[in-house]
Protein backbone atom coordinates (compact mmCIF):
# COMPACT_ATOMS: atom_id res chain seq x y z
CA MET A 1 -5.82 -14.63 -9.06
CA LYS A 2 -8.84 -12.83 -7.47
CA ALA A 3 -12.09 -14.30 -7.67
CA GLN A 4 -13.59 -14.11 -11.38
CA VAL A 5 -15.90 -11.03 -10.74
CA SER A 6 -13.59 -8.97 -9.20
CA ILE A 7 -12.38 -7.41 -12.58
CA VAL A 8 -16.12 -6.55 -13.58
CA THR A 9 -16.46 -4.83 -10.09
CA ALA A 10 -13.25 -2.84 -10.60
CA VAL A 11 -13.24 -2.16 -14.71
CA LEU A 12 -17.39 -1.56 -14.67
CA LEU A 13 -18.74 -0.51 -11.21
CA ALA A 14 -15.78 2.27 -10.25
CA ALA A 15 -15.97 4.66 -13.40
CA MET A 16 -19.22 3.69 -15.14
CA LEU A 17 -21.28 5.12 -12.27
CA PRO A 18 -22.18 8.59 -12.71
CA ALA A 19 -19.75 10.85 -10.79
CA SER A 20 -22.33 12.02 -8.07
CA ALA A 21 -23.16 8.31 -7.37
CA GLN A 22 -19.69 7.39 -6.72
CA VAL A 23 -19.38 9.96 -4.26
CA ALA A 24 -22.64 9.29 -2.65
CA SER A 25 -21.88 5.46 -2.25
CA HIS A 26 -18.60 6.25 -0.59
CA ALA A 27 -19.22 9.08 1.70
CA SER A 28 -19.23 6.89 4.69
CA THR A 29 -15.50 5.96 4.03
CA VAL A 30 -13.61 8.90 3.61
CA SER A 31 -10.36 8.33 5.52
CA ALA A 32 -8.96 11.15 7.84
CA SER A 33 -5.63 10.27 6.51
CA ALA A 34 -6.53 10.82 2.51
CA PRO A 35 -4.14 13.06 1.01
CA ALA A 36 -5.36 16.48 0.37
CA ALA A 37 -7.06 16.90 -2.90
CA ASN A 38 -6.44 20.75 -4.52
CA THR A 39 -7.36 19.70 -8.06
CA MET A 40 -10.75 18.82 -9.10
CA LEU A 41 -11.01 16.02 -12.08
CA GLN A 42 -13.61 17.26 -14.69
CA ALA A 43 -16.78 15.15 -14.99
CA PRO A 44 -16.38 12.65 -18.09
CA GLN A 45 -18.75 13.70 -21.27
CA GLY A 46 -17.91 10.81 -23.26
CA LYS A 47 -15.47 12.31 -25.21
CA PRO A 48 -12.88 10.25 -27.00
CA VAL A 49 -9.39 10.72 -25.62
CA ALA A 50 -7.68 7.80 -27.53
CA ARG A 51 -8.00 5.23 -30.29
CA VAL A 52 -6.36 1.76 -30.03
CA ASN A 53 -6.61 -0.08 -33.50
CA GLY A 54 -9.43 2.15 -34.35
CA ALA A 55 -11.59 1.41 -31.10
CA VAL A 56 -12.34 4.47 -29.39
CA LEU A 57 -11.59 5.20 -25.79
CA THR A 58 -13.41 8.19 -23.92
CA ASP A 59 -12.76 10.11 -21.17
CA ARG A 60 -15.45 7.87 -19.09
CA ASP A 61 -12.46 5.15 -19.65
CA LEU A 62 -9.85 7.33 -18.67
CA MET A 63 -11.51 8.33 -15.41
CA ARG A 64 -12.29 4.92 -14.48
CA GLU A 65 -8.24 4.18 -14.54
CA MET A 66 -7.66 7.51 -12.68
CA PHE A 67 -9.84 6.12 -9.80
CA THR A 68 -7.88 2.91 -9.73
CA ILE A 69 -4.76 4.47 -9.76
CA PHE A 70 -5.81 7.16 -7.28
CA PRO A 71 -8.98 5.84 -5.44
CA TYR A 72 -9.47 8.86 -2.95
CA ALA A 73 -10.41 10.90 -5.64
CA LYS A 74 -13.89 9.20 -5.46
CA GLN A 75 -14.08 10.09 -2.31
CA HIS A 76 -13.45 13.84 -2.59
CA ASN A 77 -15.53 14.50 -5.38
CA GLY A 78 -12.91 13.92 -7.81
CA GLY A 79 -10.01 15.66 -6.56
CA VAL A 80 -6.38 14.93 -6.61
CA PRO A 81 -3.62 16.27 -4.84
CA LYS A 82 -2.32 19.24 -6.44
CA GLY A 83 0.41 18.66 -8.99
CA MET A 84 -0.25 15.09 -9.43
CA GLU A 85 -2.95 14.98 -12.08
CA GLU A 86 -0.78 15.06 -15.16
CA ASP A 87 1.30 11.93 -13.84
CA ILE A 88 -1.80 10.14 -12.58
CA ARG A 89 -3.51 10.87 -16.02
CA ARG A 90 -0.54 9.79 -18.17
CA GLY A 91 -0.47 6.66 -16.06
CA ALA A 92 -4.16 6.01 -16.47
CA MET A 93 -4.03 6.24 -20.08
CA LYS A 94 -1.30 4.11 -20.43
CA MET A 95 -3.34 1.41 -18.51
CA MET A 96 -6.39 2.12 -20.51
CA GLU A 97 -4.76 1.42 -23.73
CA PHE A 98 -2.94 -1.69 -22.41
CA GLU A 99 -6.60 -2.99 -21.32
CA GLU A 100 -7.99 -2.57 -24.79
CA LEU A 101 -4.99 -3.94 -26.38
CA VAL A 102 -5.56 -7.21 -24.25
CA TYR A 103 -9.24 -7.40 -24.78
CA GLN A 104 -8.57 -7.17 -28.75
CA GLU A 105 -5.57 -9.90 -28.28
CA ALA A 106 -8.28 -12.18 -26.36
CA VAL A 107 -10.88 -11.56 -29.29
CA ARG A 108 -7.87 -12.62 -31.94
CA GLU A 109 -7.25 -15.78 -30.10
CA LYS A 110 -11.07 -16.48 -29.82
CA ILE A 111 -11.17 -16.76 -26.00
CA THR A 112 -14.49 -17.62 -24.97
CA VAL A 113 -16.45 -16.97 -21.48
CA PRO A 114 -18.63 -20.00 -20.55
CA PRO A 115 -22.31 -19.36 -20.10
CA ALA A 116 -22.21 -20.24 -16.32
CA ARG A 117 -19.12 -17.82 -15.50
CA MET A 118 -21.05 -14.90 -17.53
CA GLN A 119 -24.35 -15.49 -15.08
CA GLN A 120 -22.05 -15.74 -12.10
CA ALA A 121 -20.43 -12.41 -12.84
CA GLU A 122 -23.41 -10.74 -13.96
CA ALA A 123 -25.13 -11.54 -10.56
CA GLU A 124 -22.39 -10.45 -8.52
CA PHE A 125 -22.05 -6.87 -10.32
CA ARG A 126 -25.84 -6.49 -9.73
CA LYS A 127 -25.08 -7.16 -6.00
CA GLN A 128 -22.84 -3.68 -5.88
CA PHE A 129 -25.95 -1.63 -6.04
CA ARG A 130 -27.65 -0.50 -2.95
CA SER A 131 -31.06 -0.66 -4.27
CA PRO A 132 -32.97 -1.53 -7.55
CA ASP A 133 -33.52 2.19 -8.32
CA GLN A 134 -29.66 2.77 -8.42
CA TYR A 135 -29.20 -0.42 -10.60
CA ALA A 136 -32.17 0.94 -13.02
CA GLU A 137 -30.35 4.28 -12.94
CA PHE A 138 -27.00 3.03 -13.96
CA MET A 139 -28.65 0.86 -16.95
CA LYS A 140 -30.44 3.56 -18.23
CA GLU A 141 -26.99 6.06 -18.09
CA GLU A 142 -24.44 3.76 -18.93
CA CYS A 143 -26.04 0.73 -20.94
CA GLN A 144 -28.99 2.38 -22.56
CA GLY A 145 -31.65 0.47 -20.86
CA SER A 146 -30.17 -2.68 -22.46
CA ARG A 147 -29.18 -5.79 -20.63
CA GLN A 148 -27.23 -7.08 -23.49
CA VAL A 149 -24.87 -3.78 -23.29
CA LEU A 150 -23.99 -4.69 -19.87
CA ARG A 151 -23.44 -8.26 -20.73
CA ASN A 152 -21.01 -7.28 -23.32
CA LYS A 153 -19.33 -4.81 -21.11
CA ILE A 154 -19.16 -7.65 -18.56
CA ARG A 155 -18.07 -9.90 -21.16
CA ARG A 156 -15.17 -7.62 -22.01
CA SER A 157 -13.90 -7.73 -18.75
CA LEU A 158 -13.78 -11.23 -18.40
CA LEU A 159 -11.63 -11.80 -21.41
CA ILE A 160 -9.42 -9.27 -20.28
CA GLU A 161 -9.15 -11.09 -16.96
CA GLN A 162 -9.01 -14.53 -19.07
CA LEU A 163 -6.09 -13.57 -21.06
CA LEU A 164 -3.90 -11.96 -18.25
CA LYS A 165 -4.64 -15.33 -16.19
CA ALA A 166 -3.20 -17.11 -18.93
CA ASP A 167 -0.15 -14.82 -20.12
CA VAL A 168 0.67 -13.05 -16.82
CA ASN A 169 -0.50 -14.39 -13.16
CA ASP A 170 -0.13 -18.32 -14.33
CA LYS A 171 3.12 -17.46 -15.20
CA SER A 172 4.41 -15.40 -12.69
CA ALA A 173 3.79 -17.93 -9.84
CA ILE A 174 6.87 -18.76 -7.81
CA THR A 175 7.85 -22.21 -6.36
CA SER A 176 9.63 -22.77 -3.18
CA ILE A 177 12.47 -24.21 -4.77
CA GLN A 178 12.81 -20.86 -6.98
CA ALA A 179 12.47 -19.14 -3.84
CA LYS A 180 15.09 -20.83 -1.98
CA ALA A 181 17.43 -20.54 -5.05
CA TYR A 182 17.19 -16.88 -4.66
CA PHE A 183 17.77 -17.05 -0.73
CA ASP A 184 20.87 -18.71 -1.06
CA LYS A 185 21.94 -16.82 -4.10
CA HIS A 186 21.60 -13.23 -2.29
CA PRO A 187 22.82 -13.62 1.33
CA ASP A 188 23.36 -10.09 1.80
CA GLU A 189 19.61 -9.13 1.59
CA PHE A 190 18.45 -11.56 4.49
CA ARG A 191 21.47 -10.59 7.03
CA ILE A 192 20.16 -9.65 10.23
CA PRO A 193 22.22 -6.73 11.90
CA GLU A 194 23.32 -6.81 15.54
CA SER A 195 20.50 -4.89 17.28
CA TYR A 196 19.38 -4.39 20.76
CA SER A 197 15.81 -4.24 22.09
CA ILE A 198 15.38 -1.50 24.71
CA GLN A 199 12.95 0.50 26.54
CA THR A 200 14.03 4.29 27.06
CA ILE A 201 12.82 6.89 29.53
CA SER A 202 13.85 10.44 28.26
CA ILE A 203 13.94 13.87 30.07
CA LEU A 204 14.11 17.09 27.56
CA PRO A 205 14.78 20.43 28.30
CA PRO A 206 13.25 23.22 26.37
CA GLN A 207 14.60 23.79 23.20
CA ASN A 208 17.29 26.75 23.51
CA ALA A 209 17.08 26.25 27.17
CA ASN A 210 18.64 28.48 29.64
CA ALA A 211 20.81 27.64 32.44
CA ALA A 212 17.66 27.38 35.07
CA GLN A 213 15.73 25.24 32.60
CA LEU A 214 18.93 22.88 32.30
CA LYS A 215 19.34 22.53 36.00
CA GLU A 216 15.68 21.91 36.18
CA ALA A 217 16.11 19.20 33.66
CA ARG A 218 18.89 17.78 35.36
CA LYS A 219 16.94 17.42 38.59
CA ARG A 220 14.03 15.57 36.83
CA ALA A 221 16.51 13.24 35.12
CA ASP A 222 18.17 12.30 38.58
CA ASP A 223 14.72 11.60 39.93
CA ALA A 224 13.62 9.52 36.77
CA ILE A 225 16.85 7.31 37.33
CA LYS A 226 15.90 6.89 40.84
CA GLN A 227 12.66 5.42 40.01
CA ALA A 228 14.31 3.60 36.91
CA LYS A 229 16.59 1.62 38.97
CA ALA A 230 14.14 0.41 41.50
CA THR A 231 11.82 -1.36 38.47
CA LYS A 232 12.42 -4.99 38.14
CA SER A 233 10.69 -5.75 35.01
CA TYR A 234 9.70 -4.67 31.43
CA GLU A 235 6.20 -4.06 32.60
CA GLU A 236 7.29 -1.53 35.81
CA PHE A 237 9.89 0.00 33.71
CA GLY A 238 6.98 0.66 30.70
CA VAL A 239 4.55 1.99 33.30
CA LEU A 240 7.14 4.35 34.63
CA ALA A 241 7.89 5.50 31.23
CA GLU A 242 4.36 6.08 30.41
CA LYS A 243 4.17 8.36 33.74
CA ILE A 244 7.28 10.57 33.45
CA SER A 245 9.47 9.83 30.24
CA GLU A 246 8.96 13.09 27.87
CA ASP A 247 9.90 11.63 24.48
CA ASP A 248 7.22 10.21 22.00
CA TRP A 249 7.97 6.49 22.90
CA ARG A 250 6.14 6.95 26.29
CA VAL A 251 2.89 5.93 25.05
CA MET A 252 4.53 2.60 23.83
CA MET A 253 5.82 1.84 27.31
CA GLY A 254 9.43 3.57 26.06
CA ASP A 255 9.62 0.14 24.14
CA ARG A 256 11.99 1.08 20.99
CA LYS A 257 11.67 -2.71 19.78
CA ALA A 258 14.76 -4.26 17.98
CA MET A 259 17.39 -1.36 16.70
CA ASP A 260 20.04 -1.83 14.60
CA ILE A 261 23.29 -0.81 16.28
CA THR A 262 24.39 1.48 13.72
CA LYS A 263 21.15 3.06 14.45
CA LEU A 264 21.72 3.95 17.97
CA PRO A 265 23.56 7.21 19.49
CA PRO A 266 26.94 6.22 20.27
CA GLU A 267 26.36 7.40 23.98
CA VAL A 268 23.69 4.56 23.97
CA THR A 269 25.66 1.76 22.26
CA LYS A 270 28.57 2.33 24.58
CA ALA A 271 26.28 2.03 27.64
CA ILE A 272 24.27 -0.95 26.76
CA GLN A 273 27.13 -3.19 25.36
CA SER A 274 28.36 -3.47 28.88
CA MET A 275 25.01 -4.21 30.18
CA LYS A 276 22.84 -7.78 30.83
CA VAL A 277 19.72 -8.36 29.46
CA GLY A 278 17.31 -6.90 32.32
CA ASP A 279 19.66 -4.03 33.15
CA VAL A 280 18.98 -0.33 33.60
CA SER A 281 21.51 1.93 32.57
CA ASP A 282 22.70 5.12 34.39
CA LEU A 283 22.13 8.44 33.18
CA ILE A 284 23.24 8.82 29.65
CA ALA A 285 23.42 12.62 28.19
CA VAL A 286 22.50 12.31 24.68
CA GLY A 287 22.95 16.07 23.32
CA PRO A 288 20.83 17.88 25.60
CA ALA A 289 18.41 15.45 26.66
CA PHE A 290 18.80 12.58 29.26
CA THR A 291 17.89 9.16 28.91
CA VAL A 292 17.86 6.32 30.95
CA VAL A 293 17.69 2.70 28.96
CA ARG A 294 16.46 -0.64 30.00
CA LEU A 295 17.94 -3.57 28.19
CA ASN A 296 15.38 -6.36 26.93
CA SER A 297 17.51 -8.51 24.60
CA HIS A 298 20.70 -8.42 22.46
CA ILE A 299 20.14 -9.76 19.03
CA PRO A 300 23.74 -10.87 17.35
CA THR A 301 24.16 -10.50 13.66
CA GLY A 302 23.39 -13.41 11.95
CA MET A 303 21.08 -14.53 8.92
CA GLN A 304 17.12 -14.81 8.54
CA LYS A 305 16.04 -18.59 8.16
CA PHE A 306 14.38 -19.28 4.91
CA ALA A 307 11.20 -20.83 6.62
CA ASP A 308 10.58 -17.23 8.39
CA VAL A 309 11.19 -15.51 4.76
CA LYS A 310 9.59 -17.87 2.41
CA ASP A 311 6.27 -16.56 2.26
CA SER A 312 7.03 -13.09 1.70
CA LEU A 313 9.96 -13.60 -0.34
CA LYS A 314 7.80 -15.81 -2.89
CA LYS A 315 5.14 -12.72 -2.81
CA GLN A 316 7.80 -9.98 -3.57
CA MET A 317 9.25 -12.45 -6.35
CA GLN A 318 5.78 -13.12 -7.78
CA GLN A 319 5.15 -9.38 -7.95
CA LYS A 320 8.39 -8.64 -10.07
CA LYS A 321 7.82 -11.29 -12.34
CA THR A 322 4.07 -10.20 -12.93
CA GLU A 323 5.17 -6.54 -13.60
CA GLU A 324 7.89 -7.83 -16.01
CA LEU A 325 5.44 -10.32 -17.84
CA ARG A 326 2.89 -7.39 -18.15
CA ALA A 327 5.57 -5.00 -19.56
CA ALA A 328 6.47 -7.73 -22.06
CA LEU A 329 2.93 -8.09 -23.22
CA ASP A 330 2.22 -4.56 -23.45
CA LYS A 331 5.25 -3.94 -25.50
CA ARG A 332 4.42 -7.05 -27.83
CA LEU A 333 1.01 -5.83 -28.32
CA ARG A 334 1.99 -2.16 -29.01
CA LYS A 335 4.38 -3.25 -31.78
CA THR A 336 1.88 -4.05 -34.16
CA ALA A 337 -0.73 -1.93 -33.05
CA LYS A 338 -1.90 1.79 -33.94
CA VAL A 339 -2.51 3.52 -30.76
CA GLU A 340 -3.31 7.36 -31.25
CA GLU A 341 -3.94 9.89 -28.21
CA LEU A 342 -6.26 12.56 -29.18
């Protein structure tokens, strides 16, 4: 479980600030790899979009959840990839309804938030603002200038967090014994395929090369094999690969790491199966390309050790169980609820 104030920041700050403030506060974190945003989300107006047992949820609540699903939208003035808006909106609507159902259930169960926890959460929430003026603007726009309104919103977030902790997070914990039982029962998932760790130097003729170009490529390849055979170590071969190889792996010293034998070209497999670690192959023709291979290691088929996969396996199993428990809770709460989408 994350720190108790995390849900306050995520549930309140991400969506309750005006759209312009959200973009400005994240302007310096725009990622060059962010998906292209072609559809602009409409700025929320406080319009009702759903009712859950009579409680009205607005487009502001919906926008918060949409930003949770696709956070890049905040960094692109509310833009999402073309064609994805409806899917994001549908997922956000379900999340928003689930959140409200959980809150109402926490109220029914008479869950309370200790005063000290409220005080800490409010202090941590206030730290998210860059200046007192930004905080004052937020209070005016989103809380009618009332600290009590803010505290009610924070309390709601913490009640959601507490119920989810009790009904989902705590129950989804996976022990090492459970992980080991899964490991033993599903051996095929942890089998190591036969692999070879190799470095390559490749000479590539132009696409649709003519006879003269193929001849020139062969000449470069013959020169490459002489230099490769003269190398005595991983480093020497790697430096040469960086210098003369014409494939994309040259920037990695030609290092292909451990490759499943079934993923290797048959010409390469045939060559390296007769090599010893440290050997450099003869010239191998793979289609129109010419390749030289250095064998760095041979990993025979086998089984991963439980100690090596325990942590990642526990995390994977816990994530799966968490999703199952959340789905079951959502189904149970919806069974007796009246949920209307407007």
